[in-house]
Amino acid sequence: MSSSEREGLIARIRQLRRIGDLSASRPRSPAATPIGSDLLALERRIAHLEQLVQGLQDSVHRESERQTDRIAALEAQIRPAELARALSEDARTRGL
């Protein structure tokens, strides 16, 4: 290898090091790195899943309230006094 080739090689290596040092010293935003963009995507996905879970919780709560009201209405219908009144009314309407 001649001395001019050697000097050219050394110059290119120095240039590459300078470029590497400049890019390493620049602050990167989280989205500029592959890990940062993955992290942002995961954060968005988690936020979406949290919204879905909250919607599911609301739905389960509403259904639970409906079932509680329905059970209370059925229990009221089978109380002895209410049941006797309903049977008596049914007997009157049938003519028994």
N, C-alpha and C. Protein backbone atom coordinates (compact mmCIF):
# COMPACT_ATOMS: atom_id res chain seq x y z
N MET A 1 0.85 -1.16 0.00
CA MET A 1 0.00 0.00 0.00
C MET A 1 0.91 1.23 0.00
N SER A 2 0.63 2.11 -0.90
CA SER A 2 1.45 3.32 -1.00
C SER A 2 1.05 4.32 0.08
N SER A 3 1.91 5.27 0.31
CA SER A 3 1.65 6.24 1.37
C SER A 3 0.45 7.12 1.03
N SER A 4 0.21 7.43 -0.24
CA SER A 4 -0.96 8.25 -0.60
C SER A 4 -2.26 7.48 -0.37
N GLU A 5 -2.25 6.18 -0.67
CA GLU A 5 -3.42 5.34 -0.40
C GLU A 5 -3.69 5.27 1.10
N ARG A 6 -2.60 5.13 1.84
CA ARG A 6 -2.70 5.05 3.30
C ARG A 6 -3.27 6.35 3.86
N GLU A 7 -2.77 7.48 3.39
CA GLU A 7 -3.26 8.78 3.86
C GLU A 7 -4.73 8.98 3.48
N GLY A 8 -5.12 8.53 2.32
CA GLY A 8 -6.52 8.63 1.88
C GLY A 8 -7.43 7.78 2.76
N LEU A 9 -6.96 6.59 3.10
CA LEU A 9 -7.71 5.71 3.98
C LEU A 9 -7.87 6.32 5.35
N ILE A 10 -6.80 6.87 5.89
CA ILE A 10 -6.85 7.53 7.21
C ILE A 10 -7.81 8.72 7.17
N ALA A 11 -7.79 9.49 6.10
CA ALA A 11 -8.69 10.64 5.96
C ALA A 11 -10.15 10.18 5.95
N ARG A 12 -10.44 9.10 5.23
CA ARG A 12 -11.82 8.58 5.21
C ARG A 12 -12.27 8.07 6.57
N ILE A 13 -11.36 7.39 7.26
CA ILE A 13 -11.69 6.90 8.61
C ILE A 13 -11.99 8.07 9.54
N ARG A 14 -11.16 9.12 9.48
CA ARG A 14 -11.40 10.30 10.32
C ARG A 14 -12.74 10.95 9.98
N GLN A 15 -13.05 11.02 8.69
CA GLN A 15 -14.31 11.62 8.26
C GLN A 15 -15.49 10.80 8.80
N LEU A 16 -15.39 9.49 8.70
CA LEU A 16 -16.47 8.64 9.22
C LEU A 16 -16.62 8.78 10.72
N ARG A 17 -15.51 8.90 11.43
CA ARG A 17 -15.58 9.09 12.88
C ARG A 17 -16.26 10.41 13.22
N ARG A 18 -15.91 11.49 12.48
CA ARG A 18 -16.54 12.79 12.72
C ARG A 18 -18.04 12.71 12.49
N ILE A 19 -18.45 12.08 11.41
CA ILE A 19 -19.88 11.93 11.11
C ILE A 19 -20.56 11.13 12.21
N GLY A 20 -19.91 10.06 12.66
CA GLY A 20 -20.45 9.26 13.75
C GLY A 20 -20.55 10.04 15.04
N ASP A 21 -19.54 10.84 15.34
CA ASP A 21 -19.57 11.65 16.55
C ASP A 21 -20.66 12.71 16.48
N LEU A 22 -20.85 13.30 15.32
CA LEU A 22 -21.90 14.32 15.17
C LEU A 22 -23.29 13.71 15.33
N SER A 23 -23.50 12.57 14.73
CA SER A 23 -24.83 11.95 14.84
C SER A 23 -25.07 11.44 16.26
N ALA A 24 -24.04 11.02 16.95
CA ALA A 24 -24.21 10.53 18.32
C ALA A 24 -24.46 11.68 19.28
N SER A 25 -23.89 12.85 18.99
CA SER A 25 -24.06 13.98 19.90
C SER A 25 -25.38 14.70 19.71
N ARG A 26 -26.07 14.48 18.57
CA ARG A 26 -27.37 15.11 18.33
C ARG A 26 -28.42 14.47 19.21
N PRO A 27 -29.22 15.29 19.89
CA PRO A 27 -30.31 14.69 20.68
C PRO A 27 -31.38 14.13 19.75
N ARG A 28 -31.79 12.95 20.03
CA ARG A 28 -32.81 12.30 19.21
C ARG A 28 -34.14 12.34 19.94
N SER A 29 -35.18 12.52 19.19
CA SER A 29 -36.51 12.44 19.80
C SER A 29 -36.82 10.95 19.97
N PRO A 30 -37.70 10.62 20.92
CA PRO A 30 -38.02 9.20 21.12
C PRO A 30 -38.57 8.53 19.88
N ALA A 31 -39.26 9.27 19.04
CA ALA A 31 -39.84 8.66 17.84
C ALA A 31 -38.78 8.41 16.77
N ALA A 32 -37.60 9.04 16.90
CA ALA A 32 -36.57 8.89 15.88
C ALA A 32 -35.86 7.55 15.99
N THR A 33 -35.91 6.92 17.14
CA THR A 33 -35.25 5.63 17.30
C THR A 33 -36.26 4.52 17.11
N PRO A 34 -35.84 3.36 16.67
CA PRO A 34 -36.78 2.25 16.52
C PRO A 34 -37.43 1.88 17.84
N ILE A 35 -36.67 1.92 18.90
CA ILE A 35 -37.23 1.59 20.22
C ILE A 35 -38.24 2.65 20.63
N GLY A 36 -37.93 3.90 20.36
CA GLY A 36 -38.85 4.99 20.70
C GLY A 36 -40.16 4.89 19.95
N SER A 37 -40.10 4.56 18.67
CA SER A 37 -41.34 4.44 17.90
C SER A 37 -42.14 3.23 18.37
N ASP A 38 -41.45 2.16 18.72
CA ASP A 38 -42.14 0.99 19.28
C ASP A 38 -42.80 1.34 20.60
N LEU A 39 -42.09 2.12 21.42
CA LEU A 39 -42.62 2.53 22.71
C LEU A 39 -43.86 3.40 22.54
N LEU A 40 -43.82 4.33 21.59
CA LEU A 40 -44.99 5.16 21.34
C LEU A 40 -46.17 4.33 20.85
N ALA A 41 -45.89 3.38 19.99
CA ALA A 41 -46.96 2.50 19.49
C ALA A 41 -47.56 1.70 20.63
N LEU A 42 -46.72 1.21 21.53
CA LEU A 42 -47.22 0.45 22.68
C LEU A 42 -48.03 1.34 23.61
N GLU A 43 -47.58 2.58 23.82
CA GLU A 43 -48.34 3.49 24.67
C GLU A 43 -49.72 3.78 24.07
N ARG A 44 -49.77 3.97 22.75
CA ARG A 44 -51.06 4.19 22.11
C ARG A 44 -51.96 2.96 22.24
N ARG A 45 -51.37 1.79 22.06
CA ARG A 45 -52.15 0.55 22.17
C ARG A 45 -52.68 0.36 23.58
N ILE A 46 -51.84 0.65 24.58
CA ILE A 46 -52.27 0.52 25.98
C ILE A 46 -53.40 1.50 26.27
N ALA A 47 -53.29 2.73 25.78
CA ALA A 47 -54.36 3.72 25.99
C ALA A 47 -55.66 3.22 25.36
N HIS A 48 -55.56 2.64 24.16
CA HIS A 48 -56.75 2.10 23.49
C HIS A 48 -57.35 0.94 24.31
N LEU A 49 -56.50 0.06 24.80
CA LEU A 49 -56.98 -1.08 25.59
C LEU A 49 -57.61 -0.60 26.90
N GLU A 50 -57.04 0.44 27.51
CA GLU A 50 -57.62 0.99 28.73
C GLU A 50 -59.03 1.53 28.46
N GLN A 51 -59.22 2.18 27.31
CA GLN A 51 -60.55 2.67 26.95
C GLN A 51 -61.52 1.50 26.76
N LEU A 52 -61.05 0.45 26.13
CA LEU A 52 -61.91 -0.73 25.94
C LEU A 52 -62.30 -1.35 27.27
N VAL A 53 -61.34 -1.44 28.19
CA VAL A 53 -61.62 -2.03 29.51
C VAL A 53 -62.62 -1.15 30.27
N GLN A 54 -62.45 0.16 30.20
CA GLN A 54 -63.40 1.06 30.87
C GLN A 54 -64.80 0.91 30.29
N GLY A 55 -64.89 0.80 28.97
CA GLY A 55 -66.19 0.58 28.34
C GLY A 55 -66.81 -0.74 28.78
N LEU A 56 -66.00 -1.77 28.87
CA LEU A 56 -66.48 -3.07 29.33
C LEU A 56 -66.96 -2.99 30.77
N GLN A 57 -66.21 -2.31 31.63
CA GLN A 57 -66.62 -2.15 33.02
C GLN A 57 -67.95 -1.42 33.12
N ASP A 58 -68.12 -0.36 32.33
CA ASP A 58 -69.39 0.38 32.33
C ASP A 58 -70.54 -0.52 31.88
N SER A 59 -70.29 -1.29 30.84
CA SER A 59 -71.32 -2.18 30.33
C SER A 59 -71.71 -3.25 31.36
N VAL A 60 -70.72 -3.82 32.00
CA VAL A 60 -70.98 -4.84 33.03
C VAL A 60 -71.75 -4.22 34.19
N HIS A 61 -71.39 -3.01 34.57
CA HIS A 61 -72.09 -2.34 35.68
C HIS A 61 -73.56 -2.07 35.31
N ARG A 62 -73.81 -1.58 34.09
CA ARG A 62 -75.19 -1.32 33.67
C ARG A 62 -76.01 -2.61 33.64
N GLU A 63 -75.41 -3.68 33.11
CA GLU A 63 -76.13 -4.96 33.06
C GLU A 63 -76.40 -5.49 34.46
N SER A 64 -75.45 -5.32 35.35
CA SER A 64 -75.63 -5.74 36.74
C SER A 64 -76.79 -4.98 37.40
N GLU A 65 -76.87 -3.69 37.13
CA GLU A 65 -77.97 -2.88 37.68
C GLU A 65 -79.31 -3.36 37.11
N ARG A 66 -79.36 -3.65 35.81
CA ARG A 66 -80.60 -4.15 35.20
C ARG A 66 -81.03 -5.49 35.82
N GLN A 67 -80.07 -6.37 36.00
CA GLN A 67 -80.38 -7.68 36.59
C GLN A 67 -80.85 -7.54 38.04
N THR A 68 -80.21 -6.64 38.78
CA THR A 68 -80.61 -6.40 40.17
C THR A 68 -82.04 -5.89 40.23
N ASP A 69 -82.39 -4.96 39.35
CA ASP A 69 -83.76 -4.43 39.31
C ASP A 69 -84.75 -5.52 38.92
N ARG A 70 -84.39 -6.36 37.96
CA ARG A 70 -85.27 -7.44 37.50
C ARG A 70 -85.50 -8.46 38.62
N ILE A 71 -84.44 -8.81 39.31
CA ILE A 71 -84.57 -9.77 40.43
C ILE A 71 -85.44 -9.18 41.53
N ALA A 72 -85.24 -7.90 41.83
CA ALA A 72 -86.07 -7.25 42.86
C ALA A 72 -87.54 -7.27 42.45
N ALA A 73 -87.84 -7.03 41.18
CA ALA A 73 -89.22 -7.06 40.70
C ALA A 73 -89.80 -8.47 40.80
N LEU A 74 -89.02 -9.48 40.45
CA LEU A 74 -89.49 -10.86 40.56
C LEU A 74 -89.72 -11.26 42.02
N GLU A 75 -88.84 -10.85 42.90
CA GLU A 75 -89.01 -11.15 44.33
C GLU A 75 -90.27 -10.49 44.87
N ALA A 76 -90.56 -9.27 44.40
CA ALA A 76 -91.77 -8.58 44.85
C ALA A 76 -93.02 -9.33 44.39
N GLN A 77 -92.96 -9.95 43.21
CA GLN A 77 -94.12 -10.67 42.68
C GLN A 77 -94.39 -11.97 43.42
N ILE A 78 -93.37 -12.57 44.03
CA ILE A 78 -93.59 -13.86 44.69
C ILE A 78 -93.73 -13.74 46.21
N ARG A 79 -93.83 -12.54 46.72
CA ARG A 79 -94.10 -12.39 48.16
C ARG A 79 -95.49 -12.97 48.44
N PRO A 80 -95.66 -13.59 49.59
CA PRO A 80 -96.95 -14.25 49.86
C PRO A 80 -98.16 -13.34 49.67
N ALA A 81 -98.12 -12.13 50.17
CA ALA A 81 -99.29 -11.24 50.04
C ALA A 81 -99.54 -10.89 48.58
N GLU A 82 -98.48 -10.59 47.85
CA GLU A 82 -98.63 -10.24 46.44
C GLU A 82 -99.07 -11.45 45.62
N LEU A 83 -98.54 -12.61 45.94
CA LEU A 83 -98.90 -13.84 45.24
C LEU A 83 -100.37 -14.17 45.49
N ALA A 84 -100.83 -14.03 46.73
CA ALA A 84 -102.24 -14.29 47.06
C ALA A 84 -103.15 -13.33 46.31
N ARG A 85 -102.77 -12.06 46.23
CA ARG A 85 -103.59 -11.09 45.53
C ARG A 85 -103.67 -11.43 44.04
N ALA A 86 -102.52 -11.81 43.43
CA ALA A 86 -102.49 -12.16 42.02
C ALA A 86 -103.32 -13.40 41.74
N LEU A 87 -103.26 -14.41 42.63
CA LEU A 87 -104.06 -15.63 42.45
C LEU A 87 -105.54 -15.34 42.59
N SER A 88 -105.89 -14.51 43.54
CA SER A 88 -107.28 -14.13 43.74
C SER A 88 -107.80 -13.38 42.51
N GLU A 89 -107.04 -12.47 42.00
CA GLU A 89 -107.45 -11.71 40.81
C GLU A 89 -107.60 -12.63 39.61
N ASP A 90 -106.69 -13.58 39.47
CA ASP A 90 -106.75 -14.54 38.36
C ASP A 90 -108.01 -15.40 38.49
N ALA A 91 -108.33 -15.82 39.71
CA ALA A 91 -109.52 -16.65 39.92
C ALA A 91 -110.77 -15.87 39.57
N ARG A 92 -110.82 -14.59 39.92
CA ARG A 92 -111.98 -13.76 39.59
C ARG A 92 -112.13 -13.60 38.10
N THR A 93 -111.03 -13.36 37.40
CA THR A 93 -111.13 -13.14 35.96
C THR A 93 -111.51 -14.42 35.21
N ARG A 94 -111.17 -15.57 35.75
CA ARG A 94 -111.52 -16.85 35.10
C ARG A 94 -112.92 -17.33 35.56
N GLY A 95 -113.44 -16.72 36.60
CA GLY A 95 -114.76 -17.10 37.07
C GLY A 95 -114.75 -18.35 37.93
N LEU A 96 -113.65 -18.54 38.67
CA LEU A 96 -113.56 -19.74 39.51
C LEU A 96 -114.10 -19.48 40.88
